[in-house]
Amino acid sequence: FPEYFFRKRVHRIERRVPTIDAVKDAVELI
């Protein structure tokens, strides 16, 4: 196995950012 397969991996659980249009639609509905 290549050594790089065993390098430390950090999986970033990123917060998905709402789009401007989606927020606009939601606000208009509310």
PDB file of all heavy atoms in Angstrom:
ATOM      1  N   PHE A   1       0.839  -1.205   0.000  1.00  0.00           N
ATOM      2  CA  PHE A   1       0.000   0.000   0.000  1.00  0.00           C
ATOM      3  C   PHE A   1       0.874   1.255   0.000  1.00  0.00           C
ATOM      4  O   PHE A   1       1.881   1.314   0.726  1.00  0.00           O
ATOM      5  CB  PHE A   1      -0.901   0.028   1.235  1.00  0.00           C
ATOM      6  CG  PHE A   1      -1.988  -1.006   1.223  1.00  0.00           C
ATOM      7  CD1 PHE A   1      -1.778  -2.274   1.759  1.00  0.00           C
ATOM      8  CD2 PHE A   1      -3.234  -0.714   0.681  1.00  0.00           C
ATOM      9  CE1 PHE A   1      -2.783  -3.232   1.747  1.00  0.00           C
ATOM     10  CE2 PHE A   1      -4.248  -1.663   0.665  1.00  0.00           C
ATOM     11  CZ  PHE A   1      -4.025  -2.926   1.200  1.00  0.00           C
ATOM     12  N   PRO A   2       0.513   2.257  -0.791  1.00  0.00           N
ATOM     13  CA  PRO A   2       1.285   3.504  -0.766  1.00  0.00           C
ATOM     14  C   PRO A   2       1.146   4.191   0.590  1.00  0.00           C
ATOM     15  O   PRO A   2       0.068   4.194   1.201  1.00  0.00           O
ATOM     16  CB  PRO A   2       0.645   4.341  -1.877  1.00  0.00           C
ATOM     17  CG  PRO A   2      -0.726   3.788  -2.033  1.00  0.00           C
ATOM     18  CD  PRO A   2      -0.622   2.325  -1.730  1.00  0.00           C
ATOM     19  N   GLU A   3       2.226   4.757   1.065  1.00  0.00           N
ATOM     20  CA  GLU A   3       2.220   5.395   2.380  1.00  0.00           C
ATOM     21  C   GLU A   3       1.197   6.521   2.463  1.00  0.00           C
ATOM     22  O   GLU A   3       0.621   6.770   3.520  1.00  0.00           O
ATOM     23  CB  GLU A   3       3.617   5.931   2.721  1.00  0.00           C
ATOM     24  CG  GLU A   3       4.552   4.884   3.281  1.00  0.00           C
ATOM     25  CD  GLU A   3       5.809   5.495   3.876  1.00  0.00           C
ATOM     26  OE1 GLU A   3       6.029   6.723   3.684  1.00  0.00           O
ATOM     27  OE2 GLU A   3       6.570   4.760   4.522  1.00  0.00           O
ATOM     28  N   TYR A   4       0.963   7.204   1.337  1.00  0.00           N
ATOM     29  CA  TYR A   4       0.054   8.347   1.409  1.00  0.00           C
ATOM     30  C   TYR A   4      -1.392   7.946   1.705  1.00  0.00           C
ATOM     31  O   TYR A   4      -2.197   8.776   2.105  1.00  0.00           O
ATOM     32  CB  TYR A   4       0.139   9.205   0.140  1.00  0.00           C
ATOM     33  CG  TYR A   4      -0.172   8.521  -1.171  1.00  0.00           C
ATOM     34  CD1 TYR A   4      -1.474   8.220  -1.550  1.00  0.00           C
ATOM     35  CD2 TYR A   4       0.852   8.212  -2.072  1.00  0.00           C
ATOM     36  CE1 TYR A   4      -1.758   7.617  -2.767  1.00  0.00           C
ATOM     37  CE2 TYR A   4       0.584   7.602  -3.293  1.00  0.00           C
ATOM     38  CZ  TYR A   4      -0.733   7.310  -3.639  1.00  0.00           C
ATOM     39  OH  TYR A   4      -1.021   6.707  -4.842  1.00  0.00           O
ATOM     40  N   PHE A   5      -1.703   6.660   1.533  1.00  0.00           N
ATOM     41  CA  PHE A   5      -3.044   6.194   1.905  1.00  0.00           C
ATOM     42  C   PHE A   5      -3.259   6.302   3.416  1.00  0.00           C
ATOM     43  O   PHE A   5      -4.389   6.432   3.883  1.00  0.00           O
ATOM     44  CB  PHE A   5      -3.226   4.750   1.436  1.00  0.00           C
ATOM     45  CG  PHE A   5      -4.548   4.127   1.804  1.00  0.00           C
ATOM     46  CD1 PHE A   5      -5.755   4.703   1.412  1.00  0.00           C
ATOM     47  CD2 PHE A   5      -4.588   2.959   2.561  1.00  0.00           C
ATOM     48  CE1 PHE A   5      -6.973   4.128   1.749  1.00  0.00           C
ATOM     49  CE2 PHE A   5      -5.797   2.371   2.900  1.00  0.00           C
ATOM     50  CZ  PHE A   5      -6.995   2.960   2.501  1.00  0.00           C
ATOM     51  N   PHE A   6      -2.165   6.299   4.181  1.00  0.00           N
ATOM     52  CA  PHE A   6      -2.267   6.300   5.640  1.00  0.00           C
ATOM     53  C   PHE A   6      -1.957   7.664   6.264  1.00  0.00           C
ATOM     54  O   PHE A   6      -1.795   7.770   7.482  1.00  0.00           O
ATOM     55  CB  PHE A   6      -1.323   5.245   6.228  1.00  0.00           C
ATOM     56  CG  PHE A   6      -1.574   3.868   5.673  1.00  0.00           C
ATOM     57  CD1 PHE A   6      -0.650   3.271   4.817  1.00  0.00           C
ATOM     58  CD2 PHE A   6      -2.736   3.183   5.973  1.00  0.00           C
ATOM     59  CE1 PHE A   6      -0.874   2.003   4.296  1.00  0.00           C
ATOM     60  CE2 PHE A   6      -2.976   1.917   5.448  1.00  0.00           C
ATOM     61  CZ  PHE A   6      -2.048   1.328   4.601  1.00  0.00           C
ATOM     62  N   ARG A   7      -1.887   8.681   5.440  1.00  0.00           N
ATOM     63  CA  ARG A   7      -1.703  10.019   6.001  1.00  0.00           C
ATOM     64  C   ARG A   7      -2.943  10.438   6.793  1.00  0.00           C
ATOM     65  O   ARG A   7      -4.048   9.976   6.523  1.00  0.00           O
ATOM     66  CB  ARG A   7      -1.448  11.030   4.885  1.00  0.00           C
ATOM     67  CG  ARG A   7      -0.121  10.858   4.179  1.00  0.00           C
ATOM     68  CD  ARG A   7      -0.023  11.809   2.995  1.00  0.00           C
ATOM     69  NE  ARG A   7       1.194  11.579   2.207  1.00  0.00           N
ATOM     70  CZ  ARG A   7       1.404  12.073   0.994  1.00  0.00           C
ATOM     71  NH1 ARG A   7       0.464  12.823   0.418  1.00  0.00           N
ATOM     72  NH2 ARG A   7       2.521  11.812   0.351  1.00  0.00           N
ATOM     73  N   LYS A   8      -2.732  11.310   7.729  1.00  0.00           N
ATOM     74  CA  LYS A   8      -3.855  11.836   8.505  1.00  0.00           C
ATOM     75  C   LYS A   8      -4.825  12.557   7.580  1.00  0.00           C
ATOM     76  O   LYS A   8      -4.444  13.420   6.796  1.00  0.00           O
ATOM     77  CB  LYS A   8      -3.352  12.801   9.576  1.00  0.00           C
ATOM     78  CG  LYS A   8      -4.463  13.469  10.376  1.00  0.00           C
ATOM     79  CD  LYS A   8      -3.886  14.417  11.423  1.00  0.00           C
ATOM     80  CE  LYS A   8      -4.980  15.169  12.155  1.00  0.00           C
ATOM     81  NZ  LYS A   8      -4.448  16.101  13.182  1.00  0.00           N
ATOM     82  N   ARG A   9      -6.109  12.180   7.662  1.00  0.00           N
ATOM     83  CA  ARG A   9      -7.148  12.840   6.874  1.00  0.00           C
ATOM     84  C   ARG A   9      -8.125  13.531   7.813  1.00  0.00           C
ATOM     85  O   ARG A   9      -8.645  12.907   8.740  1.00  0.00           O
ATOM     86  CB  ARG A   9      -7.911  11.832   6.013  1.00  0.00           C
ATOM     87  CG  ARG A   9      -7.213  11.435   4.733  1.00  0.00           C
ATOM     88  CD  ARG A   9      -8.086  10.496   3.899  1.00  0.00           C
ATOM     89  NE  ARG A   9      -7.495  10.249   2.595  1.00  0.00           N
ATOM     90  CZ  ARG A   9      -6.514   9.395   2.354  1.00  0.00           C
ATOM     91  NH1 ARG A   9      -6.029   8.685   3.364  1.00  0.00           N
ATOM     92  NH2 ARG A   9      -6.034   9.224   1.146  1.00  0.00           N
ATOM     93  N   VAL A  10      -8.381  14.779   7.555  1.00  0.00           N
ATOM     94  CA  VAL A  10      -9.356  15.542   8.332  1.00  0.00           C
ATOM     95  C   VAL A  10     -10.555  15.817   7.436  1.00  0.00           C
ATOM     96  O   VAL A  10     -10.445  16.507   6.425  1.00  0.00           O
ATOM     97  CB  VAL A  10      -8.761  16.864   8.858  1.00  0.00           C
ATOM     98  CG1 VAL A  10      -9.812  17.618   9.673  1.00  0.00           C
ATOM     99  CG2 VAL A  10      -7.516  16.599   9.699  1.00  0.00           C
ATOM    100  N   HIS A  11     -11.676  15.245   7.793  1.00  0.00           N
ATOM    101  CA  HIS A  11     -12.908  15.421   7.033  1.00  0.00           C
ATOM    102  C   HIS A  11     -13.683  16.576   7.660  1.00  0.00           C
ATOM    103  O   HIS A  11     -14.191  16.447   8.777  1.00  0.00           O
ATOM    104  CB  HIS A  11     -13.734  14.136   7.051  1.00  0.00           C
ATOM    105  CG  HIS A  11     -12.964  12.922   6.617  1.00  0.00           C
ATOM    106  ND1 HIS A  11     -12.874  12.528   5.298  1.00  0.00           N
ATOM    107  CD2 HIS A  11     -12.215  12.035   7.332  1.00  0.00           C
ATOM    108  CE1 HIS A  11     -12.132  11.444   5.218  1.00  0.00           C
ATOM    109  NE2 HIS A  11     -11.713  11.122   6.430  1.00  0.00           N
ATOM    110  N   ARG A  12     -13.728  17.672   6.952  1.00  0.00           N
ATOM    111  CA  ARG A  12     -14.405  18.850   7.493  1.00  0.00           C
ATOM    112  C   ARG A  12     -15.902  18.741   7.229  1.00  0.00           C
ATOM    113  O   ARG A  12     -16.346  18.646   6.081  1.00  0.00           O
ATOM    114  CB  ARG A  12     -13.844  20.128   6.864  1.00  0.00           C
ATOM    115  CG  ARG A  12     -14.401  21.415   7.497  1.00  0.00           C
ATOM    116  CD  ARG A  12     -13.712  22.648   6.957  1.00  0.00           C
ATOM    117  NE  ARG A  12     -12.326  22.716   7.400  1.00  0.00           N
ATOM    118  CZ  ARG A  12     -11.286  22.585   6.579  1.00  0.00           C
ATOM    119  NH1 ARG A  12     -11.476  22.375   5.281  1.00  0.00           N
ATOM    120  NH2 ARG A  12     -10.064  22.659   7.050  1.00  0.00           N
ATOM    121  N   ILE A  13     -16.686  18.700   8.295  1.00  0.00           N
ATOM    122  CA  ILE A  13     -18.144  18.715   8.160  1.00  0.00           C
ATOM    123  C   ILE A  13     -18.563  20.175   8.070  1.00  0.00           C
ATOM    124  O   ILE A  13     -18.625  20.888   9.074  1.00  0.00           O
ATOM    125  CB  ILE A  13     -18.820  18.001   9.348  1.00  0.00           C
ATOM    126  CG1 ILE A  13     -18.337  16.551   9.422  1.00  0.00           C
ATOM    127  CG2 ILE A  13     -20.338  18.053   9.214  1.00  0.00           C
ATOM    128  CD1 ILE A  13     -18.891  15.765  10.596  1.00  0.00           C
ATOM    129  N   GLU A  14     -18.787  20.599   6.844  1.00  0.00           N
ATOM    130  CA  GLU A  14     -19.023  22.019   6.608  1.00  0.00           C
ATOM    131  C   GLU A  14     -20.515  22.346   6.669  1.00  0.00           C
ATOM    132  O   GLU A  14     -21.362  21.552   6.251  1.00  0.00           O
ATOM    133  CB  GLU A  14     -18.453  22.422   5.251  1.00  0.00           C
ATOM    134  CG  GLU A  14     -16.936  22.283   5.185  1.00  0.00           C
ATOM    135  CD  GLU A  14     -16.363  22.727   3.848  1.00  0.00           C
ATOM    136  OE1 GLU A  14     -17.094  22.612   2.835  1.00  0.00           O
ATOM    137  OE2 GLU A  14     -15.215  23.182   3.818  1.00  0.00           O
ATOM    138  N   ARG A  15     -20.806  23.500   7.189  1.00  0.00           N
ATOM    139  CA  ARG A  15     -22.181  23.982   7.219  1.00  0.00           C
ATOM    140  C   ARG A  15     -22.540  24.521   5.831  1.00  0.00           C
ATOM    141  O   ARG A  15     -21.877  25.425   5.321  1.00  0.00           O
ATOM    142  CB  ARG A  15     -22.347  25.086   8.262  1.00  0.00           C
ATOM    143  CG  ARG A  15     -22.109  24.634   9.696  1.00  0.00           C
ATOM    144  CD  ARG A  15     -22.401  25.770  10.662  1.00  0.00           C
ATOM    145  NE  ARG A  15     -22.199  25.396  12.046  1.00  0.00           N
ATOM    146  CZ  ARG A  15     -23.107  24.809  12.812  1.00  0.00           C
ATOM    147  NH1 ARG A  15     -24.291  24.505  12.283  1.00  0.00           N
ATOM    148  NH2 ARG A  15     -22.859  24.521  14.073  1.00  0.00           N
ATOM    149  N   ARG A  16     -23.581  23.966   5.237  1.00  0.00           N
ATOM    150  CA  ARG A  16     -24.000  24.417   3.918  1.00  0.00           C
ATOM    151  C   ARG A  16     -24.684  25.773   4.042  1.00  0.00           C
ATOM    152  O   ARG A  16     -25.656  25.938   4.787  1.00  0.00           O
ATOM    153  CB  ARG A  16     -24.938  23.406   3.276  1.00  0.00           C
ATOM    154  CG  ARG A  16     -25.350  23.768   1.858  1.00  0.00           C
ATOM    155  CD  ARG A  16     -26.016  22.614   1.140  1.00  0.00           C
ATOM    156  NE  ARG A  16     -26.443  22.986  -0.197  1.00  0.00           N
ATOM    157  CZ  ARG A  16     -26.919  22.136  -1.101  1.00  0.00           C
ATOM    158  NH1 ARG A  16     -27.022  20.848  -0.800  1.00  0.00           N
ATOM    159  NH2 ARG A  16     -27.283  22.543  -2.298  1.00  0.00           N
ATOM    160  N   VAL A  17     -24.204  26.740   3.292  1.00  0.00           N
ATOM    161  CA  VAL A  17     -24.703  28.117   3.376  1.00  0.00           C
ATOM    162  C   VAL A  17     -25.962  28.260   2.515  1.00  0.00           C
ATOM    163  O   VAL A  17     -25.988  27.807   1.369  1.00  0.00           O
ATOM    164  CB  VAL A  17     -23.623  29.108   2.899  1.00  0.00           C
ATOM    165  CG1 VAL A  17     -24.138  30.544   2.970  1.00  0.00           C
ATOM    166  CG2 VAL A  17     -22.351  28.944   3.730  1.00  0.00           C
ATOM    167  N   PRO A  18     -27.008  28.885   3.058  1.00  0.00           N
ATOM    168  CA  PRO A  18     -28.213  29.087   2.243  1.00  0.00           C
ATOM    169  C   PRO A  18     -27.965  30.095   1.134  1.00  0.00           C
ATOM    170  O   PRO A  18     -27.216  31.070   1.324  1.00  0.00           O
ATOM    171  CB  PRO A  18     -29.239  29.610   3.258  1.00  0.00           C
ATOM    172  CG  PRO A  18     -28.415  30.261   4.324  1.00  0.00           C
ATOM    173  CD  PRO A  18     -27.157  29.447   4.416  1.00  0.00           C
ATOM    174  N   THR A  19     -28.587  29.896  -0.002  1.00  0.00           N
ATOM    175  CA  THR A  19     -28.420  30.852  -1.099  1.00  0.00           C
ATOM    176  C   THR A  19     -29.275  32.093  -0.843  1.00  0.00           C
ATOM    177  O   THR A  19     -30.279  32.050  -0.119  1.00  0.00           O
ATOM    178  CB  THR A  19     -28.836  30.232  -2.438  1.00  0.00           C
ATOM    179  OG1 THR A  19     -30.248  29.968  -2.419  1.00  0.00           O
ATOM    180  CG2 THR A  19     -28.071  28.943  -2.707  1.00  0.00           C
ATOM    181  N   ILE A  20     -28.883  33.182  -1.458  1.00  0.00           N
ATOM    182  CA  ILE A  20     -29.617  34.443  -1.307  1.00  0.00           C
ATOM    183  C   ILE A  20     -31.047  34.291  -1.808  1.00  0.00           C
ATOM    184  O   ILE A  20     -32.007  34.753  -1.166  1.00  0.00           O
ATOM    185  CB  ILE A  20     -28.890  35.582  -2.061  1.00  0.00           C
ATOM    186  CG1 ILE A  20     -27.527  35.858  -1.404  1.00  0.00           C
ATOM    187  CG2 ILE A  20     -29.744  36.837  -2.097  1.00  0.00           C
ATOM    188  CD1 ILE A  20     -26.671  36.832  -2.176  1.00  0.00           C
ATOM    189  N   ASP A  21     -31.209  33.613  -2.947  1.00  0.00           N
ATOM    190  CA  ASP A  21     -32.550  33.454  -3.517  1.00  0.00           C
ATOM    191  C   ASP A  21     -33.444  32.591  -2.639  1.00  0.00           C
ATOM    192  O   ASP A  21     -34.639  32.866  -2.489  1.00  0.00           O
ATOM    193  CB  ASP A  21     -32.459  32.846  -4.915  1.00  0.00           C
ATOM    194  CG  ASP A  21     -31.920  33.828  -5.940  1.00  0.00           C
ATOM    195  OD1 ASP A  21     -31.960  35.049  -5.658  1.00  0.00           O
ATOM    196  OD2 ASP A  21     -31.455  33.387  -7.003  1.00  0.00           O
ATOM    197  N   ALA A  22     -32.874  31.540  -2.066  1.00  0.00           N
ATOM    198  CA  ALA A  22     -33.672  30.665  -1.198  1.00  0.00           C
ATOM    199  C   ALA A  22     -34.143  31.418   0.038  1.00  0.00           C
ATOM    200  O   ALA A  22     -35.308  31.290   0.458  1.00  0.00           O
ATOM    201  CB  ALA A  22     -32.862  29.443  -0.792  1.00  0.00           C
ATOM    202  N   VAL A  23     -33.272  32.209   0.624  1.00  0.00           N
ATOM    203  CA  VAL A  23     -33.651  33.005   1.799  1.00  0.00           C
ATOM    204  C   VAL A  23     -34.714  34.029   1.424  1.00  0.00           C
ATOM    205  O   VAL A  23     -35.691  34.242   2.158  1.00  0.00           O
ATOM    206  CB  VAL A  23     -32.413  33.695   2.406  1.00  0.00           C
ATOM    207  CG1 VAL A  23     -32.819  34.673   3.502  1.00  0.00           C
ATOM    208  CG2 VAL A  23     -31.440  32.657   2.956  1.00  0.00           C
ATOM    209  N   LYS A  24     -34.558  34.630   0.265  1.00  0.00           N
ATOM    210  CA  LYS A  24     -35.534  35.619  -0.199  1.00  0.00           C
ATOM    211  C   LYS A  24     -36.914  34.989  -0.357  1.00  0.00           C
ATOM    212  O   LYS A  24     -37.926  35.556   0.071  1.00  0.00           O
ATOM    213  CB  LYS A  24     -35.067  36.210  -1.535  1.00  0.00           C
ATOM    214  CG  LYS A  24     -36.007  37.260  -2.121  1.00  0.00           C
ATOM    215  CD  LYS A  24     -35.462  37.772  -3.448  1.00  0.00           C
ATOM    216  CE  LYS A  24     -36.436  38.774  -4.076  1.00  0.00           C
ATOM    217  NZ  LYS A  24     -35.941  39.255  -5.390  1.00  0.00           N
ATOM    218  N   ASP A  25     -36.973  33.797  -0.969  1.00  0.00           N
ATOM    219  CA  ASP A  25     -38.249  33.101  -1.145  1.00  0.00           C
ATOM    220  C   ASP A  25     -38.874  32.753   0.198  1.00  0.00           C
ATOM    221  O   ASP A  25     -40.095  32.891   0.391  1.00  0.00           O
ATOM    222  CB  ASP A  25     -38.044  31.815  -1.955  1.00  0.00           C
ATOM    223  CG  ASP A  25     -37.703  32.088  -3.411  1.00  0.00           C
ATOM    224  OD1 ASP A  25     -37.906  33.237  -3.868  1.00  0.00           O
ATOM    225  OD2 ASP A  25     -37.226  31.150  -4.085  1.00  0.00           O
ATOM    226  N   ALA A  26     -38.043  32.302   1.128  1.00  0.00           N
ATOM    227  CA  ALA A  26     -38.549  31.915   2.445  1.00  0.00           C
ATOM    228  C   ALA A  26     -39.100  33.117   3.200  1.00  0.00           C
ATOM    229  O   ALA A  26     -40.169  33.044   3.818  1.00  0.00           O
ATOM    230  CB  ALA A  26     -37.432  31.250   3.250  1.00  0.00           C
ATOM    231  N   VAL A  27     -38.387  34.213   3.149  1.00  0.00           N
ATOM    232  CA  VAL A  27     -38.827  35.422   3.852  1.00  0.00           C
ATOM    233  C   VAL A  27     -40.139  35.936   3.260  1.00  0.00           C
ATOM    234  O   VAL A  27     -41.056  36.344   3.989  1.00  0.00           O
ATOM    235  CB  VAL A  27     -37.735  36.514   3.795  1.00  0.00           C
ATOM    236  CG1 VAL A  27     -38.274  37.857   4.281  1.00  0.00           C
ATOM    237  CG2 VAL A  27     -36.534  36.086   4.630  1.00  0.00           C
ATOM    238  N   GLU A  28     -40.248  35.895   1.962  1.00  0.00           N
ATOM    239  CA  GLU A  28     -41.473  36.352   1.316  1.00  0.00           C
ATOM    240  C   GLU A  28     -42.660  35.482   1.741  1.00  0.00           C
ATOM    241  O   GLU A  28     -43.768  35.994   1.964  1.00  0.00           O
ATOM    242  CB  GLU A  28     -41.311  36.300  -0.200  1.00  0.00           C
ATOM    243  CG  GLU A  28     -42.549  36.694  -0.997  1.00  0.00           C
ATOM    244  CD  GLU A  28     -43.068  38.088  -0.677  1.00  0.00           C
ATOM    245  OE1 GLU A  28     -42.273  38.958  -0.267  1.00  0.00           O
ATOM    246  OE2 GLU A  28     -44.292  38.302  -0.817  1.00  0.00           O
ATOM    247  N   LEU A  29     -42.432  34.188   1.865  1.00  0.00           N
ATOM    248  CA  LEU A  29     -43.507  33.297   2.305  1.00  0.00           C
ATOM    249  C   LEU A  29     -43.885  33.572   3.757  1.00  0.00           C
ATOM    250  O   LEU A  29     -45.073  33.696   4.090  1.00  0.00           O
ATOM    251  CB  LEU A  29     -43.062  31.837   2.149  1.00  0.00           C
ATOM    252  CG  LEU A  29     -44.046  30.764   2.646  1.00  0.00           C
ATOM    253  CD1 LEU A  29     -45.371  30.849   1.894  1.00  0.00           C
ATOM    254  CD2 LEU A  29     -43.430  29.376   2.507  1.00  0.00           C
ATOM    255  N   ILE A  30     -42.909  33.677   4.628  1.00  0.00           N
ATOM    256  CA  ILE A  30     -43.189  33.924   6.050  1.00  0.00           C
ATOM    257  C   ILE A  30     -43.908  35.253   6.229  1.00  0.00           C
ATOM    258  O   ILE A  30     -44.847  35.379   7.035  1.00  0.00           O
ATOM    259  CB  ILE A  30     -41.886  33.894   6.873  1.00  0.00           C
ATOM    260  CG1 ILE A  30     -41.259  32.491   6.822  1.00  0.00           C
ATOM    261  CG2 ILE A  30     -42.148  34.304   8.322  1.00  0.00           C
ATOM    262  CD1 ILE A  30     -39.873  32.408   7.429  1.00  0.00           C
TER     263      ILE A  30
END
